[in-house]
Amino acid sequence: MKHRVLFIVFTLFTFVTTNAQCAMCRAVLESEEGQSTAKGVNDGIVYLMIIPYVLIAGIGIAIYTRFSKKKEI
């Protein structure tokens, strides 16, 4: 159990640099000097992408804990 909690905490607080931009956004943002806006847009896309996964994981954990409880006779 302790290993599972450590794994979950580690994965929640570890971020991986990704390039998650559509082709049009990327073309417009690559022409900019300094690339600061491109980095901000990329971070925003990644954060918006994470929210559905966190919600689905929460629902999955809730369902798992509800049905995995031992039934007492």
N, C-alpha and C. Protein backbone atom coordinates (compact mmCIF):
# COMPACT_ATOMS: atom_id res chain seq x y z
N MET A 1 0.83 -1.20 0.00
CA MET A 1 0.00 0.00 0.00
C MET A 1 0.87 1.25 0.00
N LYS A 2 1.95 1.23 0.78
CA LYS A 2 2.82 2.39 0.89
C LYS A 2 3.46 2.71 -0.46
N HIS A 3 3.82 1.67 -1.21
CA HIS A 3 4.45 1.87 -2.51
C HIS A 3 3.48 2.49 -3.51
N ARG A 4 2.21 2.12 -3.41
CA ARG A 4 1.21 2.69 -4.31
C ARG A 4 1.04 4.18 -4.07
N VAL A 5 1.00 4.56 -2.81
CA VAL A 5 0.83 5.98 -2.48
C VAL A 5 2.04 6.77 -2.96
N LEU A 6 3.23 6.25 -2.75
CA LEU A 6 4.44 6.95 -3.21
C LEU A 6 4.45 7.07 -4.74
N PHE A 7 4.03 6.01 -5.42
CA PHE A 7 3.97 6.05 -6.88
C PHE A 7 2.99 7.10 -7.36
N ILE A 8 1.82 7.17 -6.75
CA ILE A 8 0.81 8.15 -7.16
C ILE A 8 1.31 9.57 -6.90
N VAL A 9 1.89 9.81 -5.73
CA VAL A 9 2.42 11.15 -5.41
C VAL A 9 3.52 11.53 -6.39
N PHE A 10 4.41 10.59 -6.68
CA PHE A 10 5.51 10.85 -7.60
C PHE A 10 4.99 11.18 -9.00
N THR A 11 4.01 10.44 -9.48
CA THR A 11 3.50 10.68 -10.83
C THR A 11 2.69 11.97 -10.91
N LEU A 12 2.03 12.36 -9.83
CA LEU A 12 1.26 13.60 -9.86
C LEU A 12 2.14 14.84 -9.87
N PHE A 13 3.30 14.76 -9.23
CA PHE A 13 4.16 15.93 -9.12
C PHE A 13 5.37 15.89 -10.05
N THR A 14 5.37 14.99 -11.00
CA THR A 14 6.44 14.92 -11.98
C THR A 14 5.87 15.35 -13.32
N PHE A 15 6.47 16.34 -13.91
CA PHE A 15 5.99 16.85 -15.18
C PHE A 15 6.99 16.55 -16.28
N VAL A 16 6.50 16.20 -17.43
CA VAL A 16 7.33 15.88 -18.57
C VAL A 16 7.12 16.98 -19.60
N THR A 17 8.20 17.47 -20.16
CA THR A 17 8.09 18.49 -21.19
C THR A 17 7.57 17.84 -22.47
N THR A 18 6.48 18.38 -22.98
CA THR A 18 5.89 17.83 -24.20
C THR A 18 5.65 18.95 -25.20
N ASN A 19 5.44 18.60 -26.42
CA ASN A 19 5.11 19.55 -27.47
C ASN A 19 3.72 19.21 -28.00
N ALA A 20 2.71 19.78 -27.36
CA ALA A 20 1.32 19.44 -27.69
C ALA A 20 0.64 20.64 -28.34
N GLN A 21 0.99 20.91 -29.59
CA GLN A 21 0.39 22.02 -30.30
C GLN A 21 -0.16 21.55 -31.63
N CYS A 22 -1.25 22.18 -32.06
CA CYS A 22 -1.77 21.87 -33.38
C CYS A 22 -0.86 22.52 -34.43
N ALA A 23 -1.02 22.12 -35.67
CA ALA A 23 -0.13 22.59 -36.74
C ALA A 23 -0.26 24.11 -36.96
N MET A 24 -1.46 24.64 -36.91
CA MET A 24 -1.66 26.07 -37.14
C MET A 24 -1.06 26.90 -35.99
N CYS A 25 -1.31 26.48 -34.77
CA CYS A 25 -0.75 27.21 -33.62
C CYS A 25 0.77 27.19 -33.67
N ARG A 26 1.30 26.04 -34.00
CA ARG A 26 2.75 25.91 -34.05
C ARG A 26 3.37 26.80 -35.12
N ALA A 27 2.75 26.87 -36.29
CA ALA A 27 3.27 27.69 -37.38
C ALA A 27 3.27 29.17 -37.01
N VAL A 28 2.22 29.62 -36.38
CA VAL A 28 2.13 31.03 -35.99
C VAL A 28 3.11 31.34 -34.87
N LEU A 29 3.21 30.45 -33.89
CA LEU A 29 4.05 30.73 -32.73
C LEU A 29 5.54 30.55 -33.01
N GLU A 30 5.91 29.75 -34.00
CA GLU A 30 7.33 29.58 -34.31
C GLU A 30 7.91 30.82 -34.97
N SER A 31 7.08 31.64 -35.58
CA SER A 31 7.57 32.84 -36.23
C SER A 31 7.85 33.97 -35.24
N GLU A 32 7.47 33.79 -33.98
CA GLU A 32 7.65 34.82 -32.96
C GLU A 32 9.09 34.81 -32.43
N GLU A 33 9.59 35.97 -32.09
CA GLU A 33 10.92 36.10 -31.48
C GLU A 33 10.83 35.73 -30.00
N GLY A 34 11.77 35.00 -29.48
CA GLY A 34 11.85 34.70 -28.06
C GLY A 34 11.09 33.46 -27.63
N GLN A 35 10.06 33.06 -28.33
CA GLN A 35 9.29 31.85 -28.06
C GLN A 35 8.60 31.83 -26.70
N SER A 36 8.43 32.96 -26.03
CA SER A 36 7.79 32.96 -24.71
C SER A 36 6.29 32.67 -24.82
N THR A 37 5.64 33.21 -25.84
CA THR A 37 4.22 32.94 -26.03
C THR A 37 3.99 31.48 -26.39
N ALA A 38 4.86 30.90 -27.19
CA ALA A 38 4.73 29.50 -27.59
C ALA A 38 4.83 28.59 -26.36
N LYS A 39 5.73 28.89 -25.45
CA LYS A 39 5.87 28.07 -24.24
C LYS A 39 4.61 28.19 -23.38
N GLY A 40 4.04 29.38 -23.29
CA GLY A 40 2.82 29.58 -22.51
C GLY A 40 1.63 28.85 -23.10
N VAL A 41 1.49 28.90 -24.42
CA VAL A 41 0.39 28.18 -25.08
C VAL A 41 0.57 26.68 -24.91
N ASN A 42 1.78 26.19 -25.05
CA ASN A 42 2.04 24.77 -24.89
C ASN A 42 1.70 24.30 -23.48
N ASP A 43 2.09 25.07 -22.47
CA ASP A 43 1.75 24.72 -21.08
C ASP A 43 0.24 24.71 -20.87
N GLY A 44 -0.45 25.68 -21.43
CA GLY A 44 -1.91 25.73 -21.31
C GLY A 44 -2.59 24.52 -21.92
N ILE A 45 -2.10 24.09 -23.07
CA ILE A 45 -2.66 22.91 -23.73
C ILE A 45 -2.45 21.68 -22.86
N VAL A 46 -1.27 21.54 -22.31
CA VAL A 46 -0.97 20.37 -21.46
C VAL A 46 -1.85 20.38 -20.22
N TYR A 47 -2.03 21.52 -19.57
CA TYR A 47 -2.87 21.58 -18.37
C TYR A 47 -4.32 21.26 -18.71
N LEU A 48 -4.83 21.75 -19.83
CA LEU A 48 -6.20 21.43 -20.23
C LEU A 48 -6.35 19.94 -20.56
N MET A 49 -5.30 19.32 -21.05
CA MET A 49 -5.34 17.91 -21.39
C MET A 49 -5.35 17.04 -20.12
N ILE A 50 -4.74 17.50 -19.04
CA ILE A 50 -4.62 16.71 -17.82
C ILE A 50 -5.96 16.59 -17.09
N ILE A 51 -6.79 17.60 -17.13
CA ILE A 51 -8.02 17.65 -16.34
C ILE A 51 -8.94 16.45 -16.60
N PRO A 52 -9.24 16.06 -17.83
CA PRO A 52 -10.11 14.88 -18.02
C PRO A 52 -9.51 13.60 -17.46
N TYR A 53 -8.20 13.44 -17.57
CA TYR A 53 -7.56 12.24 -17.03
C TYR A 53 -7.67 12.19 -15.51
N VAL A 54 -7.53 13.33 -14.85
CA VAL A 54 -7.65 13.37 -13.39
C VAL A 54 -9.08 13.05 -12.98
N LEU A 55 -10.06 13.58 -13.71
CA LEU A 55 -11.46 13.30 -13.38
C LEU A 55 -11.79 11.82 -13.57
N ILE A 56 -11.35 11.24 -14.68
CA ILE A 56 -11.61 9.82 -14.92
C ILE A 56 -10.91 8.96 -13.86
N ALA A 57 -9.68 9.32 -13.50
CA ALA A 57 -8.97 8.57 -12.47
C ALA A 57 -9.70 8.65 -11.13
N GLY A 58 -10.22 9.82 -10.80
CA GLY A 58 -10.97 9.97 -9.55
C GLY A 58 -12.23 9.13 -9.53
N ILE A 59 -12.94 9.11 -10.64
CA ILE A 59 -14.14 8.28 -10.74
C ILE A 59 -13.77 6.80 -10.64
N GLY A 60 -12.69 6.40 -11.30
CA GLY A 60 -12.24 5.01 -11.25
C GLY A 60 -11.86 4.59 -9.84
N ILE A 61 -11.15 5.46 -9.13
CA ILE A 61 -10.76 5.16 -7.75
C ILE A 61 -11.99 5.06 -6.85
N ALA A 62 -12.96 5.95 -7.05
CA ALA A 62 -14.19 5.91 -6.25
C ALA A 62 -14.95 4.61 -6.49
N ILE A 63 -15.05 4.20 -7.74
CA ILE A 63 -15.75 2.95 -8.05
C ILE A 63 -14.99 1.77 -7.47
N TYR A 64 -13.68 1.77 -7.61
CA TYR A 64 -12.87 0.67 -7.08
C TYR A 64 -13.01 0.54 -5.57
N THR A 65 -12.94 1.65 -4.85
CA THR A 65 -13.04 1.59 -3.39
C THR A 65 -14.44 1.18 -2.95
N ARG A 66 -15.44 1.59 -3.68
CA ARG A 66 -16.81 1.24 -3.32
C ARG A 66 -17.06 -0.26 -3.46
N PHE A 67 -16.57 -0.86 -4.54
CA PHE A 67 -16.85 -2.26 -4.80
C PHE A 67 -15.80 -3.21 -4.23
N SER A 68 -14.68 -2.70 -3.77
CA SER A 68 -13.65 -3.59 -3.24
C SER A 68 -13.74 -3.77 -1.72
N LYS A 69 -14.66 -3.06 -1.09
CA LYS A 69 -14.83 -3.24 0.36
C LYS A 69 -15.34 -4.64 0.64
N LYS A 70 -14.79 -5.24 1.67
CA LYS A 70 -15.23 -6.58 2.05
C LYS A 70 -16.61 -6.50 2.67
N LYS A 71 -17.47 -7.40 2.21
CA LYS A 71 -18.83 -7.43 2.74
C LYS A 71 -18.85 -8.27 4.02
N GLU A 72 -19.42 -7.71 5.05
CA GLU A 72 -19.52 -8.42 6.31
C GLU A 72 -20.85 -9.16 6.36
N ILE A 73 -20.81 -10.35 6.94
CA ILE A 73 -22.03 -11.17 7.02
C ILE A 73 -22.77 -10.89 8.30
